[in-house]
Protein backbone atom coordinates (compact mmCIF):
# COMPACT_ATOMS: atom_id res chain seq x y z
CA MET A 1 27.12 15.11 2.41
CA PRO A 2 28.79 17.28 -0.06
CA PRO A 3 27.70 17.84 -3.44
CA THR A 4 29.04 15.90 -6.29
CA ALA A 5 31.35 17.54 -8.95
CA ARG A 6 28.59 16.89 -11.53
CA THR A 7 27.15 20.35 -12.75
CA LEU A 8 23.62 21.31 -13.77
CA THR A 9 23.00 23.36 -17.12
CA ALA A 10 22.39 26.96 -15.37
CA GLY A 11 19.57 29.32 -16.40
CA SER A 12 16.42 27.84 -15.43
CA CYS A 13 15.09 28.41 -11.99
CA MET A 14 15.86 25.13 -11.21
CA GLY A 15 19.40 24.83 -12.19
CA ALA A 16 20.03 28.05 -9.93
CA ALA A 17 18.13 26.48 -7.12
CA LEU A 18 20.53 23.27 -7.35
CA THR A 19 23.57 25.12 -7.14
CA ALA A 20 22.67 25.71 -3.54
CA VAL A 21 23.30 23.32 -0.59
CA VAL A 22 20.13 25.15 1.39
CA LEU A 23 16.83 26.38 -0.58
CA VAL A 24 13.33 27.84 0.86
CA GLY A 25 11.72 28.16 -2.17
CA CYS A 26 12.00 29.66 -5.81
CA THR A 27 10.87 33.36 -7.49
CA GLU A 28 -3.58 10.82 -12.23
CA THR A 29 -12.93 5.31 -7.43
CA ALA A 30 -15.65 5.61 -5.95
CA GLU A 31 -15.93 9.34 -4.95
CA VAL A 32 -14.27 9.52 -1.67
CA GLU A 33 -14.34 12.48 0.80
CA THR A 34 -10.83 13.84 1.60
CA PRO A 35 -10.10 17.22 3.77
CA THR A 36 -10.03 20.28 2.14
CA PRO A 37 -6.27 20.55 1.24
CA ALA A 38 -4.15 23.10 3.47
CA THR A 39 -2.10 25.76 1.92
CA ALA A 40 0.52 25.17 4.36
CA PRO A 41 1.96 22.97 6.91
CA ALA A 42 1.31 23.69 10.82
CA ALA A 43 2.97 26.69 12.48
CA THR A 44 4.86 23.93 14.32
CA ALA A 45 6.48 22.31 11.46
CA PRO A 46 10.13 22.12 11.07
CA ALA A 47 11.83 24.01 8.08
CA LEU A 48 13.75 21.91 5.66
CA ASP A 49 17.22 21.95 4.30
CA VAL A 50 17.76 20.80 0.95
CA ALA A 51 20.94 19.47 -0.14
CA VAL A 52 22.00 18.38 -3.84
CA VAL A 53 23.69 14.89 -3.48
CA ALA A 54 24.54 14.37 -7.00
CA ASP A 55 23.37 16.45 -10.24
CA GLY A 56 23.74 16.17 -14.08
CA LEU A 57 21.22 13.42 -14.05
CA GLU A 58 19.02 12.08 -16.87
CA HIS A 59 15.61 10.86 -15.49
CA PRO A 60 16.43 9.26 -12.13
CA TRP A 61 14.08 6.94 -11.44
CA ASP A 62 14.59 5.49 -7.88
CA VAL A 63 17.35 5.24 -5.07
CA VAL A 64 18.27 3.34 -2.02
CA ARG A 65 20.52 3.76 1.07
CA ALA A 66 22.95 0.99 1.81
CA PRO A 67 23.87 0.34 5.35
CA ASP A 68 27.28 1.68 4.82
CA GLY A 69 25.79 4.93 3.96
CA THR A 70 26.50 4.59 -0.11
CA LEU A 71 23.40 5.57 -2.15
CA LEU A 72 22.31 3.85 -5.32
CA LEU A 73 20.34 5.22 -7.88
CA ASP A 74 19.12 4.48 -11.41
CA GLU A 75 18.31 6.30 -14.81
CA ARG A 76 15.27 5.40 -16.78
CA GLY A 77 17.27 5.14 -19.77
CA GLY A 78 19.84 2.83 -18.05
CA GLY A 79 22.73 2.91 -15.67
CA PHE A 80 23.11 2.84 -12.01
CA THR A 81 25.19 5.54 -10.09
CA ALA A 82 26.72 5.04 -6.76
CA VAL A 83 27.21 8.35 -4.28
CA LEU A 84 29.63 7.09 -1.88
CA PRO A 85 29.60 8.22 1.83
CA ASP A 86 32.49 10.95 0.91
CA GLY A 87 29.83 12.54 -1.41
CA SER A 88 32.02 11.40 -4.68
CA THR A 89 30.12 9.19 -7.39
CA ARG A 90 31.02 5.95 -9.19
CA ASP A 91 29.23 4.66 -12.11
CA VAL A 92 28.45 0.96 -11.22
CA ALA A 93 29.18 -1.26 -14.19
CA ALA A 94 26.24 -3.55 -15.31
CA ASP A 95 24.94 -5.71 -17.87
CA LEU A 96 22.01 -3.69 -19.42
CA ASP A 97 22.46 -4.82 -23.09
CA ASP A 98 18.70 -6.10 -23.01
CA LEU A 99 17.22 -2.85 -21.76
CA PHE A 100 13.96 -1.83 -23.24
CA ALA A 101 13.74 2.30 -22.48
CA ASP A 102 10.76 3.64 -24.25
CA GLY A 103 8.21 6.14 -22.97
CA GLU A 104 7.22 5.44 -19.38
CA THR A 105 9.16 2.26 -19.15
CA GLY A 106 12.92 1.57 -18.58
CA LEU A 107 15.12 1.00 -15.68
CA MET A 108 12.68 1.84 -12.69
CA GLY A 109 12.34 0.71 -9.10
CA LEU A 110 15.03 -0.57 -6.75
CA ALA A 111 14.86 -2.28 -3.56
CA LEU A 112 17.86 -3.77 -1.44
CA ASP A 113 17.55 -7.25 0.01
CA PRO A 114 17.17 -7.07 3.63
CA GLY A 115 20.13 -9.19 3.94
CA PHE A 116 22.15 -6.61 1.90
CA ALA A 117 25.02 -6.09 4.45
CA GLU A 118 26.00 -9.77 4.42
CA ASN A 119 25.06 -10.69 0.68
CA ARG A 120 25.15 -7.47 -1.48
CA ARG A 121 21.96 -8.51 -3.19
CA PHE A 122 19.67 -5.62 -4.81
CA TYR A 123 16.81 -5.82 -7.18
CA SER A 124 15.78 -3.64 -9.79
CA CYS A 125 12.71 -3.73 -12.12
CA GLN A 126 13.32 -2.96 -16.15
CA GLY A 127 11.79 -3.32 -19.49
CA ARG A 128 13.37 -5.90 -21.61
CA GLN A 129 13.90 -6.27 -25.55
CA GLN A 130 12.83 -9.72 -25.27
CA GLY A 131 8.99 -8.34 -25.04
CA GLU A 132 8.43 -8.02 -21.14
CA ILE A 133 9.10 -6.04 -18.03
CA ALA A 134 11.21 -8.11 -15.47
CA VAL A 135 12.37 -8.10 -11.73
CA LEU A 136 16.09 -8.54 -11.86
CA ALA A 137 18.20 -9.76 -8.61
CA TRP A 138 22.24 -8.41 -8.67
CA THR A 139 24.90 -8.58 -6.56
CA ALA A 140 27.17 -5.18 -6.01
CA ALA A 141 30.90 -5.48 -5.71
CA PRO A 142 32.16 -4.34 -2.08
CA ASP A 143 33.66 -1.22 -4.11
CA TRP A 144 30.41 -0.54 -5.69
CA SER A 145 32.48 -0.65 -9.18
CA SER A 146 29.83 -3.19 -10.64
CA ALA A 147 27.14 -5.21 -10.19
CA THR A 148 26.40 -8.87 -11.18
CA ARG A 149 23.27 -10.54 -12.43
CA VAL A 150 22.53 -13.43 -10.28
CA ALA A 151 18.86 -13.93 -11.24
CA ASP A 152 18.17 -13.25 -14.53
CA PRO A 153 15.32 -12.76 -14.16
CA LEU A 154 13.94 -13.25 -10.79
CA VAL A 155 10.38 -12.24 -11.87
CA GLY A 156 10.00 -12.45 -15.89
CA GLY A 157 6.50 -11.97 -17.94
CA LEU A 158 5.26 -8.59 -16.70
CA PRO A 159 3.44 -7.44 -19.70
CA LEU A 160 5.07 -4.36 -21.89
CA ASN A 161 3.73 -1.78 -24.07
CA GLU A 162 6.50 -2.51 -26.98
CA ARG A 163 4.71 0.19 -29.09
CA SER A 164 5.37 3.23 -26.56
CA GLY A 165 6.21 2.02 -23.11
CA ARG A 166 3.27 3.10 -21.70
CA HIS A 167 1.82 2.42 -18.14
CA GLY A 168 5.16 0.11 -17.51
CA GLY A 169 5.03 0.49 -13.25
CA CYS A 170 7.08 -0.45 -11.68
CA ARG A 171 8.12 0.27 -7.92
CA LEU A 172 9.51 -2.38 -5.75
CA ALA A 173 9.10 -2.67 -1.73
CA VAL A 174 10.28 -5.19 0.65
CA ALA A 175 6.97 -5.84 2.98
CA PRO A 176 7.21 -6.32 7.11
CA ASP A 177 7.53 -10.24 6.24
CA GLY A 178 10.33 -9.93 3.73
CA ALA A 179 8.02 -10.73 0.78
CA LEU A 180 9.40 -8.48 -2.39
CA LEU A 181 6.27 -6.25 -3.29
CA VAL A 182 6.15 -5.53 -6.95
CA GLY A 183 3.51 -2.78 -8.39
CA THR A 184 2.88 -3.17 -12.19
CA GLY A 185 0.95 -0.96 -14.83
CA ASP A 186 -1.77 -2.07 -17.29
CA THR A 187 0.57 -1.21 -20.39
CA ALA A 188 -2.44 0.51 -21.72
CA ASP A 189 -4.48 -2.91 -22.28
CA GLY A 190 -8.08 -2.50 -20.73
CA THR A 191 -8.21 -6.40 -20.50
CA LEU A 192 -5.46 -6.78 -18.15
CA PRO A 193 -6.09 -4.85 -14.46
CA GLN A 194 -9.29 -7.25 -13.91
CA ASP A 195 -7.72 -10.44 -15.29
CA PRO A 196 -6.00 -12.48 -12.49
CA ARG A 197 -4.14 -14.51 -14.70
CA SER A 198 -2.19 -11.01 -16.06
CA LEU A 199 0.59 -9.57 -14.00
CA GLY A 200 -0.49 -6.24 -15.29
CA GLY A 201 -2.35 -3.63 -13.30
CA LYS A 202 -1.31 -5.69 -9.94
CA VAL A 203 0.68 -5.61 -6.81
CA LEU A 204 2.47 -8.96 -6.79
CA ARG A 205 4.13 -10.69 -3.62
CA VAL A 206 7.53 -12.49 -4.65
CA ASP A 207 9.79 -14.68 -2.65
CA PRO A 208 13.08 -12.49 -3.26
CA ALA A 209 14.98 -16.32 -2.82
CA THR A 210 13.17 -18.32 -5.39
CA GLY A 211 11.14 -15.76 -7.53
CA GLU A 212 7.88 -17.72 -6.75
CA ARG A 213 5.12 -14.94 -6.92
CA GLU A 214 1.40 -14.63 -6.70
CA VAL A 215 -1.15 -11.84 -7.30
CA TRP A 216 -1.65 -9.87 -4.17
CA THR A 217 -4.16 -7.10 -5.32
CA LEU A 218 -5.70 -6.37 -8.85
CA GLY A 219 -7.67 -3.61 -10.76
CA HIS A 220 -4.49 -1.13 -10.90
CA ARG A 221 -3.90 1.42 -13.64
CA ASN A 222 -0.41 2.05 -12.90
CA VAL A 223 1.26 1.57 -9.60
CA GLN A 224 4.08 3.93 -9.42
CA GLY A 225 4.57 3.96 -5.35
CA LEU A 226 4.68 1.77 -2.49
CA ALA A 227 5.11 2.77 0.88
CA VAL A 228 5.46 0.27 4.18
CA ARG A 229 4.01 2.20 7.38
CA PRO A 230 6.55 1.82 10.06
CA GLY A 231 5.85 -0.50 13.01
CA THR A 232 2.86 -1.67 11.05
CA ASN A 233 1.55 -4.45 8.32
CA GLN A 234 -0.07 -1.55 6.40
CA VAL A 235 1.19 -1.05 2.54
CA PHE A 236 -0.22 1.66 0.83
CA ALA A 237 0.22 1.85 -3.03
CA VAL A 238 0.09 5.25 -5.29
CA GLU A 239 -0.94 5.22 -9.10
CA HIS A 240 -1.93 7.42 -11.81
CA GLY A 241 -5.37 8.28 -12.74
CA PRO A 242 -6.68 9.08 -16.39
CA ASP A 243 -7.92 12.83 -16.22
CA ARG A 244 -8.75 12.64 -12.64
CA ASP A 245 -8.47 10.61 -9.49
CA ASP A 246 -4.78 9.75 -8.52
CA GLU A 247 -5.08 7.73 -6.06
CA VAL A 248 -3.51 6.53 -2.84
CA ASN A 249 -5.01 2.95 -1.73
CA LEU A 250 -4.21 0.88 1.47
CA LEU A 251 -3.66 -2.71 0.05
CA ARG A 252 -5.18 -5.92 1.59
CA ASP A 253 -4.86 -9.40 0.15
CA GLY A 254 -7.32 -9.98 -2.63
CA GLY A 255 -8.38 -6.61 -2.67
CA ASN A 256 -9.48 -5.18 -6.14
CA TYR A 257 -8.97 -1.40 -6.74
CA GLY A 258 -11.51 -1.39 -9.50
CA TRP A 259 -9.76 -0.09 -12.56
CA ASP A 260 -11.74 -1.65 -15.41
CA PRO A 261 -10.76 0.12 -18.82
CA ASP A 262 -12.13 -2.61 -20.90
CA GLY A 263 -14.16 -1.09 -23.47
CA GLY A 264 -14.51 -4.23 -25.77
CA GLY A 265 -11.60 -4.09 -27.71
CA SER A 266 -10.59 -0.45 -26.49
CA TYR A 267 -8.69 1.15 -23.50
CA ASP A 268 -11.54 3.26 -22.15
CA GLU A 269 -10.10 5.92 -19.86
CA SER A 270 -13.53 7.38 -18.72
CA VAL A 271 -14.52 4.87 -16.44
CA PRO A 272 -13.99 5.62 -12.95
CA MET A 273 -10.66 4.73 -10.99
CA THR A 274 -12.69 2.60 -8.88
CA ASP A 275 -15.64 1.31 -10.59
CA PRO A 276 -18.69 1.11 -8.25
CA ALA A 277 -20.04 -1.28 -10.34
CA ILE A 278 -17.21 -3.87 -9.58
CA ALA A 279 -18.35 -5.97 -6.67
CA GLY A 280 -16.10 -5.10 -3.33
CA ALA A 281 -14.21 -2.85 -5.30
CA VAL A 282 -11.89 -1.07 -2.46
CA PRO A 283 -12.29 2.66 -2.23
CA ALA A 284 -9.08 4.76 -2.47
CA VAL A 285 -8.18 6.31 0.93
CA TRP A 286 -7.36 9.62 -0.78
CA SER A 287 -8.04 10.83 -4.21
CA SER A 288 -6.94 13.79 -6.27
CA GLY A 289 -10.14 14.61 -7.86
CA GLU A 290 -9.60 16.95 -11.12
CA PRO A 291 -7.05 17.73 -12.12
CA THR A 292 -4.57 14.80 -11.71
CA LEU A 293 -1.19 15.62 -9.92
CA ALA A 294 0.77 12.73 -11.60
CA THR A 295 1.55 11.15 -8.30
CA SER A 296 4.59 8.59 -8.11
CA GLY A 297 6.93 7.36 -5.36
CA ALA A 298 6.01 7.34 -1.73
CA THR A 299 7.67 7.26 1.76
CA PHE A 300 6.74 7.68 5.49
CA LEU A 301 8.76 10.00 7.52
CA ASP A 302 9.89 8.16 10.62
CA GLY A 303 11.53 9.68 13.63
CA GLU A 304 11.45 12.20 16.36
CA GLN A 305 13.99 14.48 14.64
CA TRP A 306 11.02 14.96 11.99
CA GLY A 307 8.88 16.90 14.56
CA ALA A 308 5.63 17.51 13.37
CA TYR A 309 6.11 15.90 10.13
CA ASP A 310 7.02 12.62 11.94
CA GLY A 311 4.51 9.96 10.61
CA LEU A 312 3.59 11.72 7.34
CA LEU A 313 3.23 9.89 3.98
CA LEU A 314 4.99 11.54 1.45
CA VAL A 315 4.08 11.54 -2.45
CA ALA A 316 6.02 12.57 -4.89
CA LEU A 317 4.39 14.79 -7.62
CA LEU A 318 5.31 14.80 -11.30
CA LYS A 319 2.86 17.38 -13.15
CA ALA A 320 2.41 19.21 -9.95
CA GLN A 321 6.09 19.53 -9.24
CA GLY A 322 6.38 18.97 -5.31
CA VAL A 323 5.59 16.55 -2.47
CA LEU A 324 2.33 15.85 -1.12
CA ALA A 325 2.22 15.17 2.58
CA LEU A 326 -0.78 12.98 4.07
CA ARG A 327 -1.28 12.45 7.78
CA LEU A 328 -3.26 9.32 7.93
CA ALA A 329 -5.32 8.14 10.86
CA GLU A 330 -4.68 4.49 12.11
CA ASP A 331 -6.89 2.84 9.73
CA GLY A 332 -5.62 4.82 6.77
CA ALA A 333 -7.97 7.45 6.59
CA VAL A 334 -6.37 10.91 5.55
CA VAL A 335 -7.15 13.58 8.41
CA GLU A 336 -4.39 16.38 7.25
CA GLU A 337 -2.98 17.06 3.56
CA PHE A 338 -0.63 20.10 2.22
CA ARG A 339 2.52 20.08 0.27
CA LEU A 340 6.15 20.35 1.53
CA PRO A 341 6.75 24.36 0.89
CA GLU A 342 10.55 24.03 0.49
CA LEU A 343 9.77 21.46 -2.67
CA GLU A 344 7.09 23.20 -3.94
CA GLY A 345 7.77 23.78 -7.73
CA ALA A 346 11.40 24.33 -7.02
CA PHE A 347 12.82 21.62 -8.56
CA GLY A 348 10.16 20.61 -11.20
CA ARG A 349 9.01 16.98 -11.55
CA ILE A 350 9.55 14.74 -8.55
CA ARG A 351 9.77 10.81 -9.28
CA SER A 352 10.86 9.34 -5.90
CA VAL A 353 10.77 10.24 -2.22
CA VAL A 354 12.32 7.52 -0.19
CA GLN A 355 13.60 7.57 3.57
CA GLY A 356 16.97 6.33 4.13
CA GLY A 357 18.21 4.41 6.91
CA ASP A 358 20.04 7.60 8.11
CA GLY A 359 16.52 9.36 8.95
CA ALA A 360 16.90 11.65 5.74
CA LEU A 361 14.55 12.05 2.77
CA TYR A 362 15.94 11.26 -0.49
CA VAL A 363 14.61 12.59 -3.62
CA THR A 364 14.93 12.33 -7.53
CA THR A 365 13.66 15.17 -9.90
CA ASP A 366 12.55 13.75 -13.28
CA ASN A 367 12.79 16.79 -15.70
CA GLY A 368 15.38 15.45 -18.68
CA GLY A 369 17.90 17.24 -20.29
CA GLY A 370 20.83 16.43 -17.88
CA GLU A 371 19.27 18.49 -15.39
CA ASP A 372 17.98 15.94 -12.81
CA ALA A 373 19.22 15.76 -9.41
CA LEU A 374 19.33 13.60 -6.22
CA LEU A 375 18.28 15.79 -3.01
CA ARG A 376 18.90 15.11 0.65
CA VAL A 377 16.01 16.82 2.79
CA THR A 378 16.61 17.04 6.57
CA PRO A 379 14.27 18.91 9.25
CA ARG A 380 16.48 21.82 10.24
């Protein structure tokens, strides 16, 4: 897929890197045991080609690939963009007049309905000026010129931090059984993660046809990634830690993941990410320790073309500016850990990593200043 006509401001390492189609480098529980991070992948790992699909973006948050090959992305401050199969871009007209965009909250997670090829339906998660975060359902025009709200909202009432937009979540994914999964943030309110009546600090299961919802897991801080392991029913959630212990968690029905920052009216971030004092708190399968990396979106690589990378869980890193690769055992335990060298520090902050239906890896950066990009990564 060729680059688009959008152009980045030159002068930075990232800006220079994004002018090339191929790149190789550039001059936030309980305590869990994880392997010593490797400095590089195995010698048998494939080299990766990194191509710019769209640039000149402003905080792109998520991306999905439609069956026709079109890539749909959104930007946190508002707006949908379609990258058509010929590489051209098209603004997707949509009613976002009620968007609340401040701090970490705005237009966030995206997901396609499993029946998109027939119904053109997709889902987004956004802050709303009505004082909530909500999941909306849309239908896309056949030519991608517009999107129309068809469930407004599909799920409402997710808490919103109206003062700063802090800890708004909000990642979407489709479970193997077709349920829409919604990862939410605690809005920096210490009472919410352990309150089963609140939708904050949770992962929800939603019927995408009716909007009927249930709290699937609780005790989360700010869920930024959801990844379904191919060929299984395993779902992994990624969340930010405070000053240590970003986490990857294997979700299970009713699981409590141990975040309880209720300091008697204050938001006490000195408590452990997984508090061992909480009966049955589920330990993370991976934890960053100190310092945090600011983990974000996640996806699994699946396909023989990835060679030694096949089966890896990839996690986007904001503060650490790269992509973490985790090799997981069948039970979710981490057996190998390293960074993808071609993305290490080369593009700044990474918000989302998504494997498309074509097998390629799509990556969004999150640097601001109109210098963000959508990247396509493939094994050489």
